[in-house]
C-alpha atoms as a PDB file:
ATOM      1  CA  MET A   1      21.064   6.970  11.009  1.00  0.00           C
ATOM      2  CA  ARG A   2      21.582   8.939  13.887  1.00  0.00           C
ATOM      3  CA  GLY A   3      18.851  10.933  15.155  1.00  0.00           C
ATOM      4  CA  THR A   4      16.725  10.253  11.552  1.00  0.00           C
ATOM      5  CA  ARG A   5      13.287   9.345  12.269  1.00  0.00           C
ATOM      6  CA  ILE A   6      11.509   8.324   9.364  1.00  0.00           C
ATOM      7  CA  THR A   7       7.780   8.709   8.354  1.00  0.00           C
ATOM      8  CA  THR A   8       5.094   7.855   6.236  1.00  0.00           C
ATOM      9  CA  ALA A   9       2.174   9.080   4.208  1.00  0.00           C
ATOM     10  CA  PRO A  10      -1.393   7.396   5.117  1.00  0.00           C
ATOM     11  CA  PHE A  11      -1.873   4.636   2.112  1.00  0.00           C
ATOM     12  CA  ASP A  12      -5.549   4.613   1.264  1.00  0.00           C
ATOM     13  CA  THR A  13      -5.530   0.662   0.517  1.00  0.00           C
ATOM     14  CA  LEU A  14      -9.335   1.210  -0.406  1.00  0.00           C
ATOM     15  CA  ALA A  15      -8.874   3.721  -2.422  1.00  0.00           C
ATOM     16  CA  TYR A  16      -5.413   1.710  -4.462  1.00  0.00           C
ATOM     17  CA  VAL A  17      -8.050  -1.289  -4.862  1.00  0.00           C
ATOM     18  CA  LYS A  18     -11.033   0.956  -6.588  1.00  0.00           C
ATOM     19  CA  THR A  19      -8.049   2.312  -8.649  1.00  0.00           C
ATOM     20  CA  LEU A  20      -7.119  -1.205 -10.094  1.00  0.00           C
ATOM     21  CA  ARG A  21     -10.531  -2.780 -10.254  1.00  0.00           C
ATOM     22  CA  GLY A  22     -11.518   0.376 -12.565  1.00  0.00           C
ATOM     23  CA  ALA A  23      -8.189  -1.108 -14.100  1.00  0.00           C
ATOM     24  CA  GLY A  24      -9.246  -4.107 -15.270  1.00  0.00           C
ATOM     25  CA  PHE A  25      -8.101  -5.667 -12.060  1.00  0.00           C
ATOM     26  CA  THR A  26      -9.814  -8.847 -10.218  1.00  0.00           C
ATOM     27  CA  GLU A  27     -11.395  -7.728  -6.610  1.00  0.00           C
ATOM     28  CA  PRO A  28      -8.759 -10.634  -5.240  1.00  0.00           C
ATOM     29  CA  GLN A  29      -5.829  -9.164  -7.559  1.00  0.00           C
ATOM     30  CA  ALA A  30      -6.632  -6.002  -6.316  1.00  0.00           C
ATOM     31  CA  GLU A  31      -7.121  -6.642  -2.832  1.00  0.00           C
ATOM     32  CA  ALA A  32      -3.286  -8.637  -2.914  1.00  0.00           C
ATOM     33  CA  GLN A  33      -1.435  -5.689  -4.827  1.00  0.00           C
ATOM     34  CA  ALA A  34      -3.099  -3.361  -2.013  1.00  0.00           C
ATOM     35  CA  SER A  35      -2.428  -6.189   0.876  1.00  0.00           C
ATOM     36  CA  ALA A  36       1.236  -6.889  -0.315  1.00  0.00           C
ATOM     37  CA  LEU A  37       1.851  -2.472  -1.192  1.00  0.00           C
ATOM     38  CA  ALA A  38       0.936  -1.629   2.654  1.00  0.00           C
ATOM     39  CA  THR A  39       3.066  -4.711   3.805  1.00  0.00           C
ATOM     40  CA  VAL A  40       6.306  -3.284   1.841  1.00  0.00           C
ATOM     41  CA  LEU A  41       5.301   0.428   3.378  1.00  0.00           C
ATOM     42  CA  LYS A  42       4.935  -0.134   6.465  1.00  0.00           C
ATOM     43  CA  SER A  43       8.062  -2.352   6.551  1.00  0.00           C
ATOM     44  CA  GLY A  44      10.088   0.387   5.471  1.00  0.00           C
ATOM     45  CA  THR A  45       9.243   2.220   8.340  1.00  0.00           C
ATOM     46  CA  ASP A  46      10.509  -0.518  11.344  1.00  0.00           C
END
């Protein structure tokens, strides 16, 4: 779309990891999820 700029809200990976850890995810699982989600969110702005 011409002239349209997409902005994103900040994504707090540490808070996301802590939330996942609280839900029972292991540290490696939580970190992998946070990394994957951050990549997806970033790719939507390219």
